[in-house]
Amino acid sequence: MSYVEWVFMSYFGMPKDRANTLMLQVHEQGRAIVSRGEREQMETDAQAMHRFGLQATIEEDAE
C-alpha cells in the first residue's frame, strides 16, 4: 500500500495526505480517480501506472 502512495506522490506530485486518501480508496473500493484531463494525457498517465506495475483504466467522465 505504501508503494501505491509513493507512486501517486512521485508521478502525480500529490501531497502525502491526498496520495494516502486515494490509496485507501483503491484498497477499499478497488478504484479511485487519480487524474482527469484530455484523452492524450490520460493515456500517458495510464501507461505510466502500468510501468509502475499498477492497473489503470481510462473512462469518460459521466458528468
PDB file of N, CA and C in Angstrom:
ATOM      1  N   MET A   1       0.821  -1.193   0.000  1.00  0.00           N
ATOM      2  CA  MET A   1       0.000   0.000   0.000  1.00  0.00           C
ATOM      3  C   MET A   1       0.864   1.255   0.000  1.00  0.00           C
ATOM      4  N   SER A   2       1.990   1.209   0.688  1.00  0.00           N
ATOM      5  CA  SER A   2       2.865   2.376   0.694  1.00  0.00           C
ATOM      6  C   SER A   2       3.467   2.610  -0.692  1.00  0.00           C
ATOM      7  N   TYR A   3       3.623   1.539  -1.489  1.00  0.00           N
ATOM      8  CA  TYR A   3       4.142   1.701  -2.840  1.00  0.00           C
ATOM      9  C   TYR A   3       3.158   2.500  -3.699  1.00  0.00           C
ATOM     10  N   VAL A   4       1.881   2.176  -3.601  1.00  0.00           N
ATOM     11  CA  VAL A   4       0.867   2.900  -4.375  1.00  0.00           C
ATOM     12  C   VAL A   4       0.875   4.372  -3.959  1.00  0.00           C
ATOM     13  N   GLU A   5       0.934   4.631  -2.678  1.00  0.00           N
ATOM     14  CA  GLU A   5       1.009   6.002  -2.186  1.00  0.00           C
ATOM     15  C   GLU A   5       2.242   6.708  -2.762  1.00  0.00           C
ATOM     16  N   TRP A   6       3.377   6.036  -2.746  1.00  0.00           N
ATOM     17  CA  TRP A   6       4.614   6.596  -3.284  1.00  0.00           C
ATOM     18  C   TRP A   6       4.489   6.903  -4.778  1.00  0.00           C
ATOM     19  N   VAL A   7       3.865   5.995  -5.544  1.00  0.00           N
ATOM     20  CA  VAL A   7       3.674   6.235  -6.982  1.00  0.00           C
ATOM     21  C   VAL A   7       2.838   7.479  -7.198  1.00  0.00           C
ATOM     22  N   PHE A   8       1.742   7.620  -6.471  1.00  0.00           N
ATOM     23  CA  PHE A   8       0.882   8.788  -6.627  1.00  0.00           C
ATOM     24  C   PHE A   8       1.638  10.076  -6.297  1.00  0.00           C
ATOM     25  N   MET A   9       2.464  10.047  -5.259  1.00  0.00           N
ATOM     26  CA  MET A   9       3.237  11.234  -4.898  1.00  0.00           C
ATOM     27  C   MET A   9       4.327  11.500  -5.933  1.00  0.00           C
ATOM     28  N   SER A  10       5.006  10.453  -6.373  1.00  0.00           N
ATOM     29  CA  SER A  10       6.125  10.619  -7.305  1.00  0.00           C
ATOM     30  C   SER A  10       5.666  11.038  -8.691  1.00  0.00           C
ATOM     31  N   TYR A  11       4.696  10.344  -9.236  1.00  0.00           N
ATOM     32  CA  TYR A  11       4.286  10.603 -10.612  1.00  0.00           C
ATOM     33  C   TYR A  11       3.379  11.824 -10.718  1.00  0.00           C
ATOM     34  N   PHE A  12       2.359  11.881  -9.872  1.00  0.00           N
ATOM     35  CA  PHE A  12       1.378  12.959  -9.966  1.00  0.00           C
ATOM     36  C   PHE A  12       1.742  14.181  -9.123  1.00  0.00           C
ATOM     37  N   GLY A  13       2.740  14.056  -8.266  1.00  0.00           N
ATOM     38  CA  GLY A  13       3.125  15.173  -7.414  1.00  0.00           C
ATOM     39  C   GLY A  13       2.115  15.473  -6.327  1.00  0.00           C
ATOM     40  N   MET A  14       1.375  14.454  -5.912  1.00  0.00           N
ATOM     41  CA  MET A  14       0.344  14.649  -4.882  1.00  0.00           C
ATOM     42  C   MET A  14       0.988  14.814  -3.516  1.00  0.00           C
ATOM     43  N   PRO A  15       0.362  15.619  -2.657  1.00  0.00           N
ATOM     44  CA  PRO A  15       0.815  15.649  -1.265  1.00  0.00           C
ATOM     45  C   PRO A  15       0.513  14.300  -0.614  1.00  0.00           C
ATOM     46  N   LYS A  16       1.258  13.984   0.433  1.00  0.00           N
ATOM     47  CA  LYS A  16       1.147  12.676   1.086  1.00  0.00           C
ATOM     48  C   LYS A  16      -0.283  12.368   1.539  1.00  0.00           C
ATOM     49  N   ASP A  17      -0.971  13.350   2.106  1.00  0.00           N
ATOM     50  CA  ASP A  17      -2.323  13.074   2.614  1.00  0.00           C
ATOM     51  C   ASP A  17      -3.295  12.734   1.486  1.00  0.00           C
ATOM     52  N   ARG A  18      -3.185  13.412   0.333  1.00  0.00           N
ATOM     53  CA  ARG A  18      -4.062  13.112  -0.822  1.00  0.00           C
ATOM     54  C   ARG A  18      -3.720  11.731  -1.382  1.00  0.00           C
ATOM     55  N   ALA A  19      -2.429  11.435  -1.514  1.00  0.00           N
ATOM     56  CA  ALA A  19      -1.999  10.127  -2.014  1.00  0.00           C
ATOM     57  C   ALA A  19      -2.488   9.015  -1.097  1.00  0.00           C
ATOM     58  N   ASN A  20      -2.438   9.254   0.208  1.00  0.00           N
ATOM     59  CA  ASN A  20      -2.902   8.255   1.172  1.00  0.00           C
ATOM     60  C   ASN A  20      -4.399   8.040   1.051  1.00  0.00           C
ATOM     61  N   THR A  21      -5.158   9.121   0.903  1.00  0.00           N
ATOM     62  CA  THR A  21      -6.613   9.022   0.756  1.00  0.00           C
ATOM     63  C   THR A  21      -6.981   8.203  -0.480  1.00  0.00           C
ATOM     64  N   LEU A  22      -6.322   8.494  -1.605  1.00  0.00           N
ATOM     65  CA  LEU A  22      -6.621   7.757  -2.841  1.00  0.00           C
ATOM     66  C   LEU A  22      -6.170   6.308  -2.753  1.00  0.00           C
ATOM     67  N   MET A  23      -5.027   6.066  -2.118  1.00  0.00           N
ATOM     68  CA  MET A  23      -4.560   4.691  -1.936  1.00  0.00           C
ATOM     69  C   MET A  23      -5.571   3.893  -1.117  1.00  0.00           C
ATOM     70  N   LEU A  24      -6.103   4.490  -0.061  1.00  0.00           N
ATOM     71  CA  LEU A  24      -7.105   3.801   0.757  1.00  0.00           C
ATOM     72  C   LEU A  24      -8.386   3.556  -0.035  1.00  0.00           C
ATOM     73  N   GLN A  25      -8.753   4.507  -0.887  1.00  0.00           N
ATOM     74  CA  GLN A  25      -9.942   4.321  -1.722  1.00  0.00           C
ATOM     75  C   GLN A  25      -9.734   3.140  -2.672  1.00  0.00           C
ATOM     76  N   VAL A  26      -8.563   3.049  -3.261  1.00  0.00           N
ATOM     77  CA  VAL A  26      -8.252   1.910  -4.135  1.00  0.00           C
ATOM     78  C   VAL A  26      -8.308   0.617  -3.338  1.00  0.00           C
ATOM     79  N   HIS A  27      -7.729   0.629  -2.158  1.00  0.00           N
ATOM     80  CA  HIS A  27      -7.676  -0.570  -1.312  1.00  0.00           C
ATOM     81  C   HIS A  27      -9.080  -1.032  -0.904  1.00  0.00           C
ATOM     82  N   GLU A  28      -9.927  -0.097  -0.530  1.00  0.00           N
ATOM     83  CA  GLU A  28     -11.246  -0.444  -0.010  1.00  0.00           C
ATOM     84  C   GLU A  28     -12.308  -0.617  -1.097  1.00  0.00           C
ATOM     85  N   GLN A  29     -12.232   0.184  -2.167  1.00  0.00           N
ATOM     86  CA  GLN A  29     -13.269   0.165  -3.195  1.00  0.00           C
ATOM     87  C   GLN A  29     -12.791  -0.429  -4.520  1.00  0.00           C
ATOM     88  N   GLY A  30     -11.489  -0.653  -4.622  1.00  0.00           N
ATOM     89  CA  GLY A  30     -10.948  -1.257  -5.836  1.00  0.00           C
ATOM     90  C   GLY A  30     -10.620  -0.279  -6.941  1.00  0.00           C
ATOM     91  N   ARG A  31     -10.905   1.020  -6.724  1.00  0.00           N
ATOM     92  CA  ARG A  31     -10.623   2.016  -7.752  1.00  0.00           C
ATOM     93  C   ARG A  31     -10.699   3.416  -7.163  1.00  0.00           C
ATOM     94  N   ALA A  32     -10.057   4.351  -7.869  1.00  0.00           N
ATOM     95  CA  ALA A  32     -10.101   5.760  -7.497  1.00  0.00           C
ATOM     96  C   ALA A  32      -9.754   6.583  -8.726  1.00  0.00           C
ATOM     97  N   ILE A  33     -10.274   7.766  -8.798  1.00  0.00           N
ATOM     98  CA  ILE A  33      -9.909   8.687  -9.878  1.00  0.00           C
ATOM     99  C   ILE A  33      -8.663   9.432  -9.425  1.00  0.00           C
ATOM    100  N   VAL A  34      -7.563   9.203 -10.128  1.00  0.00           N
ATOM    101  CA  VAL A  34      -6.306   9.836  -9.744  1.00  0.00           C
ATOM    102  C   VAL A  34      -5.878  10.920 -10.724  1.00  0.00           C
ATOM    103  N   SER A  35      -6.564  11.012 -11.859  1.00  0.00           N
ATOM    104  CA  SER A  35      -6.199  12.011 -12.858  1.00  0.00           C
ATOM    105  C   SER A  35      -7.409  12.305 -13.738  1.00  0.00           C
ATOM    106  N   ARG A  36      -7.507  13.535 -14.181  1.00  0.00           N
ATOM    107  CA  ARG A  36      -8.555  13.957 -15.116  1.00  0.00           C
ATOM    108  C   ARG A  36      -7.910  14.861 -16.145  1.00  0.00           C
ATOM    109  N   GLY A  37      -8.485  14.862 -17.350  1.00  0.00           N
ATOM    110  CA  GLY A  37      -7.977  15.772 -18.358  1.00  0.00           C
ATOM    111  C   GLY A  37      -8.260  15.282 -19.759  1.00  0.00           C
ATOM    112  N   GLU A  38      -7.480  15.791 -20.686  1.00  0.00           N
ATOM    113  CA  GLU A  38      -7.619  15.406 -22.085  1.00  0.00           C
ATOM    114  C   GLU A  38      -7.199  13.947 -22.267  1.00  0.00           C
ATOM    115  N   ARG A  39      -7.789  13.297 -23.272  1.00  0.00           N
ATOM    116  CA  ARG A  39      -7.561  11.875 -23.501  1.00  0.00           C
ATOM    117  C   ARG A  39      -6.074  11.529 -23.649  1.00  0.00           C
ATOM    118  N   GLU A  40      -5.335  12.323 -24.405  1.00  0.00           N
ATOM    119  CA  GLU A  40      -3.914  12.017 -24.609  1.00  0.00           C
ATOM    120  C   GLU A  40      -3.155  11.978 -23.288  1.00  0.00           C
ATOM    121  N   GLN A  41      -3.444  12.939 -22.398  1.00  0.00           N
ATOM    122  CA  GLN A  41      -2.769  12.946 -21.100  1.00  0.00           C
ATOM    123  C   GLN A  41      -3.198  11.754 -20.255  1.00  0.00           C
ATOM    124  N   MET A  42      -4.475  11.385 -20.339  1.00  0.00           N
ATOM    125  CA  MET A  42      -4.949  10.232 -19.570  1.00  0.00           C
ATOM    126  C   MET A  42      -4.290   8.941 -20.052  1.00  0.00           C
ATOM    127  N   GLU A  43      -4.084   8.840 -21.362  1.00  0.00           N
ATOM    128  CA  GLU A  43      -3.391   7.670 -21.901  1.00  0.00           C
ATOM    129  C   GLU A  43      -1.954   7.622 -21.399  1.00  0.00           C
ATOM    130  N   THR A  44      -1.302   8.774 -21.364  1.00  0.00           N
ATOM    131  CA  THR A  44       0.066   8.843 -20.832  1.00  0.00           C
ATOM    132  C   THR A  44       0.090   8.432 -19.363  1.00  0.00           C
ATOM    133  N   ASP A  45      -0.869   8.947 -18.583  1.00  0.00           N
ATOM    134  CA  ASP A  45      -0.929   8.609 -17.158  1.00  0.00           C
ATOM    135  C   ASP A  45      -1.204   7.125 -16.947  1.00  0.00           C
ATOM    136  N   ALA A  46      -2.122   6.554 -17.722  1.00  0.00           N
ATOM    137  CA  ALA A  46      -2.430   5.128 -17.592  1.00  0.00           C
ATOM    138  C   ALA A  46      -1.214   4.277 -17.941  1.00  0.00           C
ATOM    139  N   GLN A  47      -0.508   4.638 -18.998  1.00  0.00           N
ATOM    140  CA  GLN A  47       0.701   3.901 -19.368  1.00  0.00           C
ATOM    141  C   GLN A  47       1.753   3.997 -18.273  1.00  0.00           C
ATOM    142  N   ALA A  48       1.864   5.155 -17.653  1.00  0.00           N
ATOM    143  CA  ALA A  48       2.822   5.317 -16.556  1.00  0.00           C
ATOM    144  C   ALA A  48       2.455   4.406 -15.390  1.00  0.00           C
ATOM    145  N   MET A  49       1.164   4.338 -15.061  1.00  0.00           N
ATOM    146  CA  MET A  49       0.747   3.453 -13.966  1.00  0.00           C
ATOM    147  C   MET A  49       1.082   2.006 -14.301  1.00  0.00           C
ATOM    148  N   HIS A  50       0.909   1.614 -15.549  1.00  0.00           N
ATOM    149  CA  HIS A  50       1.255   0.250 -15.967  1.00  0.00           C
ATOM    150  C   HIS A  50       2.750   0.012 -15.800  1.00  0.00           C
ATOM    151  N   ARG A  51       3.574   1.002 -16.154  1.00  0.00           N
ATOM    152  CA  ARG A  51       5.029   0.844 -15.996  1.00  0.00           C
ATOM    153  C   ARG A  51       5.402   0.684 -14.526  1.00  0.00           C
ATOM    154  N   PHE A  52       4.632   1.299 -13.635  1.00  0.00           N
ATOM    155  CA  PHE A  52       4.865   1.146 -12.201  1.00  0.00           C
ATOM    156  C   PHE A  52       4.291  -0.173 -11.675  1.00  0.00           C
ATOM    157  N   GLY A  53       3.634  -0.936 -12.542  1.00  0.00           N
ATOM    158  CA  GLY A  53       3.060  -2.215 -12.133  1.00  0.00           C
ATOM    159  C   GLY A  53       1.661  -2.104 -11.557  1.00  0.00           C
ATOM    160  N   LEU A  54       1.004  -0.971 -11.765  1.00  0.00           N
ATOM    161  CA  LEU A  54      -0.352  -0.772 -11.254  1.00  0.00           C
ATOM    162  C   LEU A  54      -1.351  -0.883 -12.397  1.00  0.00           C
ATOM    163  N   GLN A  55      -2.561  -1.282 -12.084  1.00  0.00           N
ATOM    164  CA  GLN A  55      -3.627  -1.320 -13.077  1.00  0.00           C
ATOM    165  C   GLN A  55      -4.203   0.076 -13.223  1.00  0.00           C
ATOM    166  N   ALA A  56      -4.576   0.417 -14.451  1.00  0.00           N
ATOM    167  CA  ALA A  56      -5.201   1.713 -14.700  1.00  0.00           C
ATOM    168  C   ALA A  56      -6.101   1.602 -15.914  1.00  0.00           C
ATOM    169  N   THR A  57      -7.214   2.286 -15.850  1.00  0.00           N
ATOM    170  CA  THR A  57      -8.124   2.331 -16.981  1.00  0.00           C
ATOM    171  C   THR A  57      -8.487   3.789 -17.255  1.00  0.00           C
ATOM    172  N   ILE A  58      -8.967   4.019 -18.468  1.00  0.00           N
ATOM    173  CA  ILE A  58      -9.431   5.349 -18.851  1.00  0.00           C
ATOM    174  C   ILE A  58     -10.927   5.240 -19.090  1.00  0.00           C
ATOM    175  N   GLU A  59     -11.670   6.118 -18.466  1.00  0.00           N
ATOM    176  CA  GLU A  59     -13.116   6.142 -18.645  1.00  0.00           C
ATOM    177  C   GLU A  59     -13.555   7.554 -18.924  1.00  0.00           C
ATOM    178  N   GLU A  60     -14.591   7.694 -19.738  1.00  0.00           N
ATOM    179  CA  GLU A  60     -15.157   9.008 -19.991  1.00  0.00           C
ATOM    180  C   GLU A  60     -15.858   9.486 -18.733  1.00  0.00           C
ATOM    181  N   ASP A  61     -15.694  10.746 -18.445  1.00  0.00           N
ATOM    182  CA  ASP A  61     -16.332  11.339 -17.272  1.00  0.00           C
ATOM    183  C   ASP A  61     -17.839  11.323 -17.442  1.00  0.00           C
ATOM    184  N   ALA A  62     -18.552  10.845 -16.448  1.00  0.00           N
ATOM    185  CA  ALA A  62     -20.011  10.732 -16.514  1.00  0.00           C
ATOM    186  C   ALA A  62     -20.700  12.072 -16.300  1.00  0.00           C
ATOM    187  N   GLU A  63     -19.950  13.063 -15.830  1.00  0.00           N
ATOM    188  CA  GLU A  63     -20.555  14.368 -15.536  1.00  0.00           C
ATOM    189  C   GLU A  63     -20.772  15.185 -16.753  1.00  0.00           C
TER     190      GLU A  63
END
